[in-house]
């Protein structure tokens, strides 16, 4: 039998010869590209994933990759020692703890600043902050301007570090994109569009964090309080 596609006319009738749209849901460009072979520019559902180390000074994430491997090995060795001394009852608990040595945070268009990234930095930076009101810090709620400025600066450093891992600049990608269009290399063009979207998302967060720092500094100079 023939396969038929049926559209049910709901509360908003579709006129004859009218345009019918279909929603793929709230998907990032990575999901759209991998599952359906296209992406959207701009895509307000797009996000950028950052993998960060747990239980250490956030600035350790800024070190070279070789140093990070040493840090991870050190953490893994400490966890294994805890297991041998009876801290974990089963091997399942050991494996779970080993997998939790890193945290994945998402940068999104819809969340400025990123709740995940700022929560991660506040959590680990609380023990390193030496400024005034250090005993009043909260992970989920900004209370001390000097601490928030420090956390925002670390966030910028982390994102700038991640941005440098790209082998091309935004300007170079735009040039490559134009060459792809001229040569009708549409699959390559989609990949460049995706990479540009990731870089633009990083840039937007960096600029917004810089703006927040300026606002907090002005509030502090004016003697404002939360």
N, C-alpha and C. Protein backbone atom coordinates (compact mmCIF):
# COMPACT_ATOMS: atom_id res chain seq x y z
N UNK A 1 0.84 -1.22 0.00
CA UNK A 1 0.00 0.00 0.00
C UNK A 1 0.86 1.25 0.00
N UNK A 2 0.32 2.29 -0.58
CA UNK A 2 1.03 3.57 -0.62
C UNK A 2 1.14 4.15 0.78
N UNK A 3 2.29 4.77 1.06
CA UNK A 3 2.51 5.43 2.34
C UNK A 3 1.97 6.85 2.24
N UNK A 4 1.13 7.22 3.17
CA UNK A 4 0.53 8.55 3.15
C UNK A 4 0.98 9.36 4.36
N UNK A 5 1.17 10.64 4.14
CA UNK A 5 1.54 11.56 5.22
C UNK A 5 0.32 12.41 5.50
N UNK A 6 -0.21 12.31 6.71
CA UNK A 6 -1.46 12.98 7.04
C UNK A 6 -1.20 14.12 8.01
N UNK A 7 -1.73 15.30 7.71
CA UNK A 7 -1.65 16.45 8.60
C UNK A 7 -3.04 16.74 9.13
N UNK A 8 -3.13 16.74 10.45
CA UNK A 8 -4.42 17.03 11.06
C UNK A 8 -4.56 18.53 11.27
N UNK A 9 -5.65 19.09 10.77
CA UNK A 9 -5.89 20.52 10.92
C UNK A 9 -6.33 20.81 12.35
N UNK A 10 -5.48 21.51 13.10
CA UNK A 10 -5.76 21.78 14.50
C UNK A 10 -6.48 23.10 14.70
N UNK A 11 -6.22 23.77 15.81
CA UNK A 11 -6.92 25.03 16.12
C UNK A 11 -6.51 26.17 15.18
N UNK A 12 -5.40 26.00 14.43
CA UNK A 12 -4.98 27.03 13.48
C UNK A 12 -5.03 26.45 12.08
N UNK A 13 -6.16 26.54 11.42
CA UNK A 13 -6.35 25.91 10.11
C UNK A 13 -5.31 26.35 9.08
N UNK A 14 -4.89 25.39 8.25
CA UNK A 14 -3.94 25.68 7.18
C UNK A 14 -4.74 25.87 5.90
N UNK A 15 -4.65 27.03 5.28
CA UNK A 15 -5.42 27.27 4.06
C UNK A 15 -4.89 26.45 2.89
N UNK A 16 -5.70 26.26 1.89
CA UNK A 16 -5.29 25.53 0.70
C UNK A 16 -4.08 26.22 0.07
N UNK A 17 -3.08 25.41 -0.30
CA UNK A 17 -1.83 25.89 -0.88
C UNK A 17 -1.01 26.71 0.13
N UNK A 18 -1.38 26.62 1.41
CA UNK A 18 -0.62 27.34 2.43
C UNK A 18 0.68 26.64 2.78
N UNK A 19 1.55 27.33 3.49
CA UNK A 19 2.86 26.80 3.85
C UNK A 19 2.76 25.96 5.12
N UNK A 20 3.33 24.75 5.08
CA UNK A 20 3.33 23.85 6.23
C UNK A 20 4.76 23.77 6.77
N UNK A 21 4.94 24.08 8.05
CA UNK A 21 6.27 24.01 8.66
C UNK A 21 6.34 22.83 9.62
N UNK A 22 7.57 22.37 9.83
CA UNK A 22 7.79 21.22 10.71
C UNK A 22 8.91 21.55 11.69
N UNK A 23 8.70 21.24 12.96
CA UNK A 23 9.70 21.53 13.97
C UNK A 23 10.53 20.29 14.29
N UNK A 24 11.85 20.45 14.30
CA UNK A 24 12.75 19.37 14.68
C UNK A 24 12.99 19.37 16.20
N UNK A 25 12.37 20.30 16.89
CA UNK A 25 12.57 20.40 18.33
C UNK A 25 13.71 21.34 18.67
N UNK A 26 13.95 21.51 19.95
CA UNK A 26 15.02 22.40 20.41
C UNK A 26 16.34 21.65 20.38
N UNK A 27 17.02 21.72 19.24
CA UNK A 27 18.25 20.96 19.03
C UNK A 27 19.43 21.89 18.74
N UNK A 28 20.59 21.49 19.21
CA UNK A 28 21.81 22.24 18.92
C UNK A 28 22.24 21.97 17.48
N UNK A 29 23.16 22.76 16.96
CA UNK A 29 23.66 22.54 15.61
C UNK A 29 24.38 21.20 15.49
N UNK A 30 25.03 20.77 16.56
CA UNK A 30 25.70 19.47 16.53
C UNK A 30 24.68 18.36 16.32
N UNK A 31 23.56 18.43 17.02
CA UNK A 31 22.52 17.41 16.87
C UNK A 31 21.88 17.47 15.48
N UNK A 32 21.61 18.67 15.00
CA UNK A 32 21.01 18.82 13.67
C UNK A 32 21.95 18.30 12.58
N UNK A 33 23.22 18.63 12.70
CA UNK A 33 24.19 18.24 11.68
C UNK A 33 24.40 16.73 11.68
N UNK A 34 24.50 16.13 12.86
CA UNK A 34 24.76 14.69 12.94
C UNK A 34 23.53 13.86 12.60
N UNK A 35 22.34 14.34 12.99
CA UNK A 35 21.13 13.53 12.79
C UNK A 35 20.40 13.81 11.48
N UNK A 36 20.49 15.08 11.01
CA UNK A 36 19.69 15.45 9.83
C UNK A 36 20.50 16.02 8.68
N UNK A 37 21.79 16.32 8.92
CA UNK A 37 22.63 16.78 7.83
C UNK A 37 22.54 18.24 7.50
N UNK A 38 21.96 19.06 8.39
CA UNK A 38 21.92 20.51 8.17
C UNK A 38 22.02 21.20 9.52
N UNK A 39 22.21 22.50 9.48
CA UNK A 39 22.23 23.28 10.72
C UNK A 39 21.60 24.64 10.47
N UNK A 40 21.44 25.41 11.55
CA UNK A 40 20.80 26.72 11.47
C UNK A 40 21.78 27.80 11.89
N UNK A 41 21.79 28.90 11.17
CA UNK A 41 22.62 30.05 11.51
C UNK A 41 21.76 31.30 11.45
N UNK A 42 21.49 31.96 12.57
CA UNK A 42 21.89 31.55 13.93
C UNK A 42 20.93 30.52 14.50
N UNK A 43 21.39 29.79 15.50
CA UNK A 43 20.57 28.79 16.19
C UNK A 43 20.60 29.10 17.68
N UNK A 44 19.49 29.61 18.20
CA UNK A 44 19.43 30.00 19.61
C UNK A 44 19.50 28.80 20.56
N UNK A 45 19.37 27.59 20.02
CA UNK A 45 19.48 26.39 20.84
C UNK A 45 20.90 25.82 20.84
N UNK A 46 21.80 26.48 20.13
CA UNK A 46 23.16 25.96 20.04
C UNK A 46 23.88 26.09 21.37
N UNK A 47 24.89 25.25 21.59
CA UNK A 47 25.64 25.28 22.83
C UNK A 47 27.08 24.80 22.59
N UNK A 48 27.93 25.21 23.51
CA UNK A 48 29.35 24.86 23.42
C UNK A 48 29.73 24.08 24.68
N UNK A 49 30.34 22.93 24.51
CA UNK A 49 30.68 22.06 25.63
C UNK A 49 32.13 22.27 26.06
N UNK A 50 32.32 22.45 27.37
CA UNK A 50 33.66 22.55 27.94
C UNK A 50 33.83 21.47 29.00
N UNK A 51 34.96 20.75 28.95
CA UNK A 51 35.25 19.71 29.92
C UNK A 51 36.30 20.23 30.89
N UNK A 52 35.96 20.26 32.20
CA UNK A 52 36.82 20.87 33.21
C UNK A 52 37.10 19.89 34.34
N UNK A 53 38.25 20.08 34.98
CA UNK A 53 38.66 19.19 36.06
C UNK A 53 37.92 19.50 37.35
N UNK A 54 37.65 18.46 38.13
CA UNK A 54 37.00 18.61 39.43
C UNK A 54 38.04 18.67 40.56
N UNK A 55 37.62 19.30 41.66
CA UNK A 55 38.37 19.25 42.93
C UNK A 55 39.76 19.85 42.86
N UNK A 56 39.98 20.80 41.98
CA UNK A 56 41.27 21.47 41.89
C UNK A 56 41.03 22.95 41.59
N UNK A 57 42.09 23.74 41.72
CA UNK A 57 42.02 25.15 41.37
C UNK A 57 41.58 25.30 39.90
N UNK A 58 40.53 26.09 39.60
CA UNK A 58 40.05 26.21 38.22
C UNK A 58 41.12 26.61 37.22
N UNK A 59 42.12 27.38 37.67
CA UNK A 59 43.14 27.83 36.73
C UNK A 59 44.05 26.69 36.26
N UNK A 60 44.00 25.53 36.93
CA UNK A 60 44.75 24.37 36.45
C UNK A 60 44.31 24.02 35.03
N UNK A 61 43.03 24.30 34.71
CA UNK A 61 42.51 24.02 33.38
C UNK A 61 43.21 24.84 32.29
N UNK A 62 43.95 25.87 32.70
CA UNK A 62 44.63 26.74 31.73
C UNK A 62 46.00 26.21 31.35
N UNK A 63 46.48 25.20 32.08
CA UNK A 63 47.81 24.67 31.83
C UNK A 63 47.85 23.87 30.53
N UNK A 64 49.06 23.57 30.08
CA UNK A 64 49.22 22.78 28.87
C UNK A 64 48.68 21.37 29.08
N UNK A 65 48.29 20.72 27.97
CA UNK A 65 47.65 19.41 28.05
C UNK A 65 48.52 18.37 28.75
N UNK A 66 49.85 18.43 28.55
CA UNK A 66 50.73 17.48 29.21
C UNK A 66 50.64 17.58 30.71
N UNK A 67 50.53 18.80 31.21
CA UNK A 67 50.40 19.01 32.65
C UNK A 67 49.06 18.49 33.15
N UNK A 68 48.01 18.65 32.32
CA UNK A 68 46.69 18.19 32.71
C UNK A 68 46.66 16.67 32.84
N UNK A 69 47.41 15.98 31.98
CA UNK A 69 47.47 14.52 32.07
C UNK A 69 48.08 14.11 33.41
N UNK A 70 49.12 14.84 33.85
CA UNK A 70 49.74 14.55 35.13
C UNK A 70 48.75 14.79 36.28
N UNK A 71 47.97 15.88 36.15
CA UNK A 71 46.97 16.18 37.18
C UNK A 71 45.93 15.07 37.25
N UNK A 72 45.44 14.63 36.08
CA UNK A 72 44.43 13.56 36.05
C UNK A 72 45.00 12.27 36.66
N UNK A 73 46.25 11.94 36.32
CA UNK A 73 46.86 10.74 36.88
C UNK A 73 46.98 10.83 38.40
N UNK A 74 47.30 12.05 38.86
CA UNK A 74 47.43 12.26 40.30
C UNK A 74 46.09 12.06 41.01
N UNK A 75 45.03 12.61 40.41
CA UNK A 75 43.69 12.45 40.98
C UNK A 75 43.28 10.97 40.98
N UNK A 76 43.54 10.28 39.85
CA UNK A 76 43.18 8.87 39.74
C UNK A 76 43.94 8.04 40.77
N UNK A 77 45.22 8.36 40.99
CA UNK A 77 46.02 7.62 41.97
C UNK A 77 45.48 7.84 43.38
N UNK A 78 45.04 9.08 43.68
CA UNK A 78 44.49 9.36 45.00
C UNK A 78 43.19 8.60 45.23
N UNK A 79 42.35 8.54 44.18
CA UNK A 79 41.09 7.81 44.29
C UNK A 79 41.36 6.33 44.53
N UNK A 80 42.35 5.77 43.80
CA UNK A 80 42.69 4.36 43.96
C UNK A 80 43.21 4.07 45.38
N UNK A 81 43.99 5.02 45.92
CA UNK A 81 44.48 4.87 47.29
C UNK A 81 43.32 4.86 48.28
N UNK A 82 42.35 5.75 48.05
CA UNK A 82 41.16 5.78 48.92
C UNK A 82 40.41 4.46 48.87
N UNK A 83 40.37 3.87 47.66
CA UNK A 83 39.68 2.58 47.51
C UNK A 83 40.39 1.49 48.30
N UNK A 84 41.70 1.47 48.20
CA UNK A 84 42.48 0.44 48.89
C UNK A 84 42.41 0.58 50.41
N UNK A 85 42.20 1.81 50.88
CA UNK A 85 42.12 2.01 52.33
C UNK A 85 40.69 1.83 52.85
N UNK A 86 39.77 1.43 51.96
CA UNK A 86 38.43 1.09 52.41
C UNK A 86 37.42 2.22 52.33
N UNK A 87 37.77 3.34 51.64
CA UNK A 87 36.83 4.45 51.55
C UNK A 87 35.62 4.08 50.68
N UNK A 88 35.87 3.26 49.64
CA UNK A 88 34.78 2.81 48.77
C UNK A 88 34.51 1.33 49.06
N UNK A 89 33.23 0.97 49.16
CA UNK A 89 32.87 -0.40 49.50
C UNK A 89 32.95 -1.35 48.31
N UNK A 90 32.64 -0.84 47.11
CA UNK A 90 32.61 -1.70 45.93
C UNK A 90 33.40 -1.07 44.79
N UNK A 91 33.73 -1.89 43.79
CA UNK A 91 34.44 -1.38 42.62
C UNK A 91 33.56 -0.44 41.82
N UNK A 92 32.23 -0.65 41.85
CA UNK A 92 31.31 0.26 41.14
C UNK A 92 31.44 1.68 41.68
N UNK A 93 31.57 1.82 42.98
CA UNK A 93 31.74 3.14 43.59
C UNK A 93 33.07 3.74 43.15
N UNK A 94 34.10 2.90 43.03
CA UNK A 94 35.40 3.37 42.58
C UNK A 94 35.31 3.91 41.16
N UNK A 95 34.68 3.15 40.25
CA UNK A 95 34.57 3.57 38.86
C UNK A 95 33.75 4.86 38.73
N UNK A 96 32.71 4.96 39.53
CA UNK A 96 31.87 6.16 39.50
C UNK A 96 32.68 7.38 39.92
N UNK A 97 33.51 7.23 40.93
CA UNK A 97 34.34 8.33 41.40
C UNK A 97 35.38 8.70 40.36
N UNK A 98 35.96 7.71 39.69
CA UNK A 98 36.95 7.99 38.65
C UNK A 98 36.34 8.76 37.48
N UNK A 99 35.10 8.40 37.11
CA UNK A 99 34.42 9.08 36.01
C UNK A 99 34.04 10.52 36.37
N UNK A 100 33.96 10.80 37.67
CA UNK A 100 33.54 12.13 38.11
C UNK A 100 34.72 13.09 38.30
N UNK A 101 35.90 12.73 37.77
CA UNK A 101 37.05 13.62 37.90
C UNK A 101 36.93 14.84 37.01
N UNK A 102 36.01 14.81 36.05
CA UNK A 102 35.79 15.97 35.18
C UNK A 102 34.31 16.36 35.19
N UNK A 103 34.06 17.62 34.86
CA UNK A 103 32.70 18.14 34.76
C UNK A 103 32.50 18.75 33.37
N UNK A 104 31.40 18.41 32.72
CA UNK A 104 31.08 19.00 31.42
C UNK A 104 30.11 20.17 31.65
N UNK A 105 30.49 21.36 31.22
CA UNK A 105 29.61 22.52 31.35
C UNK A 105 29.22 22.99 29.95
N UNK A 106 28.03 23.55 29.85
CA UNK A 106 27.50 23.99 28.57
C UNK A 106 27.41 25.52 28.52
N UNK A 107 27.93 26.09 27.46
CA UNK A 107 27.72 27.51 27.19
C UNK A 107 26.56 27.61 26.21
N UNK A 108 25.54 28.41 26.56
CA UNK A 108 24.35 28.50 25.73
C UNK A 108 24.05 29.96 25.38
N UNK A 109 23.32 30.13 24.30
CA UNK A 109 22.87 31.48 23.93
C UNK A 109 21.88 32.00 24.97
N UNK A 110 21.10 31.09 25.54
CA UNK A 110 19.99 31.49 26.42
C UNK A 110 20.41 31.74 27.86
N UNK A 111 21.66 31.42 28.23
CA UNK A 111 22.09 31.61 29.62
C UNK A 111 23.38 32.42 29.67
N UNK A 112 23.25 33.67 30.09
CA UNK A 112 24.40 34.54 30.24
C UNK A 112 24.38 35.15 31.64
N UNK A 113 25.41 34.91 32.46
CA UNK A 113 26.51 33.98 32.18
C UNK A 113 26.06 32.53 32.32
N UNK A 114 26.92 31.61 31.91
CA UNK A 114 26.60 30.19 31.99
C UNK A 114 26.47 29.75 33.45
N UNK A 115 25.33 29.20 33.80
CA UNK A 115 25.12 28.73 35.17
C UNK A 115 26.10 27.62 35.52
N UNK A 116 26.31 26.71 34.56
CA UNK A 116 27.22 25.60 34.82
C UNK A 116 28.65 26.04 35.04
N UNK A 117 29.13 26.93 34.17
CA UNK A 117 30.52 27.39 34.27
C UNK A 117 30.73 28.21 35.53
N UNK A 118 29.83 29.14 35.83
CA UNK A 118 29.99 29.98 37.01
C UNK A 118 29.82 29.17 38.30
N UNK A 119 28.91 28.18 38.27
CA UNK A 119 28.75 27.31 39.43
C UNK A 119 30.01 26.51 39.69
N UNK A 120 30.61 26.01 38.61
CA UNK A 120 31.86 25.24 38.72
C UNK A 120 32.97 26.11 39.33
N UNK A 121 33.12 27.33 38.81
CA UNK A 121 34.20 28.20 39.28
C UNK A 121 33.95 28.64 40.72
N UNK A 122 32.72 29.03 41.05
CA UNK A 122 32.42 29.43 42.43
C UNK A 122 32.73 28.29 43.41
N UNK A 123 32.32 27.09 43.04
CA UNK A 123 32.50 25.94 43.92
C UNK A 123 33.97 25.72 44.26
N UNK A 124 34.84 25.78 43.25
CA UNK A 124 36.25 25.47 43.46
C UNK A 124 37.08 26.68 43.89
N UNK A 125 36.56 27.88 43.60
CA UNK A 125 37.32 29.08 43.94
C UNK A 125 37.04 29.57 45.35
N UNK A 126 35.98 29.08 45.96
CA UNK A 126 35.63 29.53 47.31
C UNK A 126 36.76 29.31 48.31
N UNK A 127 37.48 28.19 48.16
CA UNK A 127 38.55 27.89 49.12
C UNK A 127 39.82 28.68 48.83
N UNK A 128 39.89 29.33 47.66
CA UNK A 128 41.09 30.08 47.29
C UNK A 128 40.91 31.60 47.48
N UNK A 129 39.66 32.03 47.64
CA UNK A 129 39.39 33.47 47.74
C UNK A 129 39.82 33.99 49.11
N UNK A 130 40.62 35.08 49.11
CA UNK A 130 41.16 35.64 50.35
C UNK A 130 40.63 37.05 50.64
N UNK A 131 39.67 37.49 49.85
CA UNK A 131 39.18 38.85 50.02
C UNK A 131 38.20 39.02 51.15
N UNK A 132 37.65 40.24 51.23
CA UNK A 132 36.69 40.57 52.29
C UNK A 132 35.41 39.75 52.13
N UNK A 133 34.79 39.40 53.25
CA UNK A 133 33.55 38.61 53.28
C UNK A 133 33.74 37.21 52.71
N UNK A 134 34.94 36.65 52.82
CA UNK A 134 35.20 35.30 52.29
C UNK A 134 34.34 34.25 52.96
N UNK A 135 33.87 34.54 54.17
CA UNK A 135 33.04 33.57 54.90
C UNK A 135 31.56 33.67 54.52
N UNK A 136 31.22 34.57 53.60
CA UNK A 136 29.82 34.77 53.22
C UNK A 136 29.53 34.28 51.80
N UNK A 137 30.45 33.54 51.21
CA UNK A 137 30.32 33.13 49.81
C UNK A 137 29.29 32.01 49.66
N UNK A 138 28.56 32.08 48.53
CA UNK A 138 27.61 31.03 48.18
C UNK A 138 27.87 30.60 46.74
N UNK A 139 27.67 29.29 46.47
CA UNK A 139 27.90 28.78 45.12
C UNK A 139 26.83 29.28 44.17
N UNK A 140 25.58 29.27 44.60
CA UNK A 140 24.45 29.54 43.71
C UNK A 140 24.01 30.99 43.67
N UNK A 141 24.52 31.82 44.58
CA UNK A 141 24.01 33.19 44.67
C UNK A 141 25.17 34.18 44.84
N UNK A 142 25.34 35.12 43.91
CA UNK A 142 26.43 36.10 44.04
C UNK A 142 26.16 37.11 45.15
N UNK A 143 27.08 37.20 46.11
CA UNK A 143 26.92 38.11 47.23
C UNK A 143 28.08 39.09 47.38
N UNK A 144 29.28 38.67 46.97
CA UNK A 144 30.48 39.48 47.17
C UNK A 144 31.02 39.91 45.80
N UNK A 145 30.93 41.21 45.46
CA UNK A 145 31.37 41.68 44.13
C UNK A 145 32.80 41.29 43.78
N UNK A 146 33.73 41.42 44.73
CA UNK A 146 35.13 41.11 44.45
C UNK A 146 35.30 39.64 44.07
N UNK A 147 34.55 38.76 44.73
CA UNK A 147 34.62 37.34 44.43
C UNK A 147 34.03 37.05 43.05
N UNK A 148 32.91 37.70 42.74
CA UNK A 148 32.28 37.50 41.43
C UNK A 148 33.19 37.98 40.31
N UNK A 149 33.86 39.11 40.52
CA UNK A 149 34.80 39.61 39.51
C UNK A 149 35.92 38.62 39.28
N UNK A 150 36.44 38.07 40.37
CA UNK A 150 37.51 37.07 40.25
C UNK A 150 37.03 35.84 39.49
N UNK A 151 35.82 35.37 39.79
CA UNK A 151 35.27 34.20 39.10
C UNK A 151 35.03 34.49 37.62
N UNK A 152 34.52 35.68 37.32
CA UNK A 152 34.30 36.05 35.93
C UNK A 152 35.61 36.13 35.16
N UNK A 153 36.66 36.64 35.80
CA UNK A 153 37.97 36.72 35.15
C UNK A 153 38.51 35.33 34.85
N UNK A 154 38.33 34.40 35.78
CA UNK A 154 38.76 33.02 35.55
C UNK A 154 37.97 32.41 34.40
N UNK A 155 36.66 32.68 34.35
CA UNK A 155 35.82 32.16 33.27
C UNK A 155 36.31 32.67 31.92
N UNK A 156 36.66 33.95 31.86
CA UNK A 156 37.19 34.52 30.61
C UNK A 156 38.49 33.84 30.22
N UNK A 157 39.37 33.61 31.20
CA UNK A 157 40.65 32.95 30.92
C UNK A 157 40.41 31.54 30.37
N UNK A 158 39.46 30.81 30.96
CA UNK A 158 39.16 29.46 30.51
C UNK A 158 38.62 29.47 29.08
N UNK A 159 37.73 30.41 28.78
CA UNK A 159 37.15 30.46 27.44
C UNK A 159 38.17 30.94 26.41
N UNK A 160 39.02 31.89 26.79
CA UNK A 160 40.08 32.34 25.88
C UNK A 160 41.03 31.19 25.58
N UNK A 161 41.34 30.40 26.60
CA UNK A 161 42.21 29.24 26.42
C UNK A 161 41.57 28.26 25.45
N UNK A 162 40.26 28.01 25.63
CA UNK A 162 39.56 27.08 24.74
C UNK A 162 39.50 27.62 23.32
N UNK A 163 39.35 28.92 23.17
CA UNK A 163 39.27 29.52 21.84
C UNK A 163 40.58 29.34 21.07
N UNK A 164 41.70 29.36 21.79
CA UNK A 164 43.01 29.21 21.15
C UNK A 164 43.25 27.81 20.62
N UNK A 165 42.44 26.83 21.06
CA UNK A 165 42.60 25.47 20.57
C UNK A 165 42.11 25.31 19.14
N UNK A 166 41.29 26.25 18.66
CA UNK A 166 40.90 26.24 17.25
C UNK A 166 42.11 26.61 16.40
N UNK A 167 42.29 25.93 15.30
CA UNK A 167 43.46 26.16 14.45
C UNK A 167 43.26 27.31 13.47
N UNK A 168 42.03 27.81 13.38
CA UNK A 168 41.75 28.93 12.49
C UNK A 168 41.00 30.03 13.26
N UNK A 169 41.09 31.25 12.74
CA UNK A 169 40.36 32.37 13.33
C UNK A 169 38.99 32.48 12.68
N UNK A 170 38.14 33.32 13.26
CA UNK A 170 36.82 33.54 12.67
C UNK A 170 36.97 34.12 11.26
N UNK A 171 37.90 35.05 11.08
CA UNK A 171 38.12 35.66 9.77
C UNK A 171 38.57 34.63 8.75
N UNK A 172 39.46 33.73 9.16
CA UNK A 172 39.92 32.68 8.24
C UNK A 172 38.79 31.74 7.87
N UNK A 173 37.94 31.42 8.83
CA UNK A 173 36.80 30.55 8.54
C UNK A 173 35.84 31.20 7.56
N UNK A 174 35.65 32.48 7.67
CA UNK A 174 34.76 33.18 6.74
C UNK A 174 35.32 33.14 5.33
N UNK A 175 36.64 33.25 5.20
CA UNK A 175 37.28 33.16 3.89
C UNK A 175 37.12 31.75 3.31
N UNK A 176 37.35 30.74 4.16
CA UNK A 176 37.19 29.35 3.73
C UNK A 176 35.75 29.09 3.31
N UNK A 177 34.80 29.67 4.05
CA UNK A 177 33.38 29.47 3.75
C UNK A 177 33.04 30.01 2.37
N UNK A 178 33.56 31.20 2.03
CA UNK A 178 33.31 31.78 0.70
C UNK A 178 33.90 30.91 -0.40
N UNK A 179 35.06 30.33 -0.16
CA UNK A 179 35.68 29.44 -1.14
C UNK A 179 34.85 28.17 -1.32
N UNK A 180 34.30 27.67 -0.23
CA UNK A 180 33.44 26.48 -0.31
C UNK A 180 32.19 26.77 -1.12
N UNK A 181 31.61 27.95 -0.93
CA UNK A 181 30.41 28.32 -1.68
C UNK A 181 30.70 28.44 -3.16
N UNK A 182 31.85 29.04 -3.50
CA UNK A 182 32.21 29.19 -4.91
C UNK A 182 32.42 27.85 -5.59
N UNK A 183 32.95 26.90 -4.84
CA UNK A 183 33.21 25.58 -5.40
C UNK A 183 32.08 24.59 -5.18
N UNK A 184 30.96 25.08 -4.67
CA UNK A 184 29.79 24.24 -4.39
C UNK A 184 30.13 23.07 -3.46
N UNK A 185 31.04 23.32 -2.52
CA UNK A 185 31.40 22.30 -1.54
C UNK A 185 30.51 22.49 -0.31
N UNK A 186 29.26 22.06 -0.45
CA UNK A 186 28.27 22.39 0.56
C UNK A 186 28.47 21.62 1.86
N UNK A 187 28.99 20.40 1.76
CA UNK A 187 29.24 19.66 2.99
C UNK A 187 30.34 20.32 3.82
N UNK A 188 31.38 20.77 3.14
CA UNK A 188 32.44 21.50 3.83
C UNK A 188 31.89 22.79 4.41
N UNK A 189 31.03 23.44 3.64
CA UNK A 189 30.45 24.71 4.10
C UNK A 189 29.65 24.52 5.38
N UNK A 190 28.88 23.42 5.46
CA UNK A 190 28.10 23.16 6.67
C UNK A 190 29.02 23.00 7.89
N UNK A 191 30.16 22.31 7.69
CA UNK A 191 31.12 22.12 8.79
C UNK A 191 31.71 23.46 9.23
N UNK A 192 32.01 24.32 8.27
CA UNK A 192 32.57 25.64 8.61
C UNK A 192 31.52 26.49 9.32
N UNK A 193 30.27 26.41 8.86
CA UNK A 193 29.18 27.11 9.54
C UNK A 193 29.10 26.67 11.00
N UNK A 194 29.21 25.35 11.22
CA UNK A 194 29.15 24.82 12.58
C UNK A 194 30.29 25.37 13.43
N UNK A 195 31.51 25.36 12.88
CA UNK A 195 32.67 25.85 13.64
C UNK A 195 32.54 27.34 13.92
N UNK A 196 32.03 28.10 12.97
CA UNK A 196 31.81 29.53 13.18
C UNK A 196 30.79 29.76 14.30
N UNK A 197 29.75 28.94 14.32
CA UNK A 197 28.74 29.07 15.37
C UNK A 197 29.32 28.83 16.74
N UNK A 198 30.22 27.84 16.85
CA UNK A 198 30.87 27.55 18.12
C UNK A 198 31.76 28.72 18.56
N UNK A 199 32.50 29.27 17.63
CA UNK A 199 33.39 30.39 17.96
C UNK A 199 32.59 31.64 18.33
N UNK A 200 31.52 31.89 17.60
CA UNK A 200 30.69 33.06 17.91
C UNK A 200 30.05 32.93 19.29
N UNK A 201 29.67 31.71 19.66
CA UNK A 201 29.08 31.47 20.98
C UNK A 201 30.11 31.76 22.07
N UNK A 202 31.34 31.30 21.87
CA UNK A 202 32.41 31.59 22.82
C UNK A 202 32.65 33.09 22.92
N UNK A 203 32.74 33.76 21.78
CA UNK A 203 32.99 35.21 21.76
C UNK A 203 31.89 35.97 22.48
N UNK A 204 30.65 35.55 22.27
CA UNK A 204 29.53 36.24 22.91
C UNK A 204 29.62 36.13 24.42
N UNK A 205 29.96 34.94 24.91
CA UNK A 205 30.09 34.75 26.36
C UNK A 205 31.25 35.57 26.92
N UNK A 206 32.37 35.57 26.22
CA UNK A 206 33.53 36.33 26.68
C UNK A 206 33.20 37.81 26.79
N UNK A 207 32.57 38.36 25.76
CA UNK A 207 32.23 39.79 25.77
C UNK A 207 31.21 40.11 26.85
N UNK A 208 30.25 39.22 27.06
CA UNK A 208 29.23 39.47 28.09
C UNK A 208 29.85 39.42 29.49
N UNK A 209 30.82 38.52 29.70
CA UNK A 209 31.48 38.43 30.99
C UNK A 209 32.31 39.68 31.25
N UNK A 210 32.95 40.19 30.22
CA UNK A 210 33.73 41.43 30.36
C UNK A 210 32.81 42.59 30.75
N UNK A 211 31.64 42.63 30.14
CA UNK A 211 30.66 43.67 30.46
C UNK A 211 30.20 43.55 31.91
N UNK A 212 29.96 42.32 32.37
CA UNK A 212 29.55 42.10 33.75
C UNK A 212 30.63 42.57 34.73
N UNK A 213 31.89 42.34 34.39
CA UNK A 213 32.99 42.79 35.25
C UNK A 213 32.98 44.30 35.37
N UNK A 214 32.78 44.99 34.26
CA UNK A 214 32.73 46.46 34.28
C UNK A 214 31.57 46.96 35.13
N UNK A 215 30.42 46.30 35.01
CA UNK A 215 29.25 46.68 35.81
C UNK A 215 29.53 46.51 37.30
N UNK A 216 30.12 45.36 37.67
CA UNK A 216 30.43 45.09 39.07
C UNK A 216 31.47 46.06 39.61
N UNK A 217 32.46 46.41 38.80
CA UNK A 217 33.47 47.37 39.23
C UNK A 217 32.85 48.74 39.47
N UNK A 218 31.96 49.15 38.57
CA UNK A 218 31.28 50.44 38.73
C UNK A 218 30.39 50.44 39.98
N UNK A 219 29.72 49.32 40.23
CA UNK A 219 28.89 49.20 41.43
C UNK A 219 29.74 49.31 42.69
N UNK A 220 30.91 48.65 42.67
CA UNK A 220 31.81 48.68 43.83
C UNK A 220 32.32 50.08 44.09
N UNK A 221 32.73 50.77 43.01
CA UNK A 221 33.24 52.13 43.16
C UNK A 221 32.17 53.08 43.66
N UNK A 222 30.92 52.79 43.29
CA UNK A 222 29.81 53.65 43.72
C UNK A 222 29.32 53.29 45.12
N UNK A 223 29.88 52.24 45.70
CA UNK A 223 29.48 51.82 47.04
C UNK A 223 28.20 51.05 47.10
N UNK A 224 27.75 50.51 45.92
CA UNK A 224 26.50 49.77 45.89
C UNK A 224 26.69 48.39 46.52
N UNK A 225 25.60 47.83 47.04
CA UNK A 225 25.62 46.51 47.66
C UNK A 225 24.56 45.64 47.00
N UNK A 226 24.73 44.31 47.11
CA UNK A 226 23.74 43.38 46.57
C UNK A 226 22.48 43.44 47.41
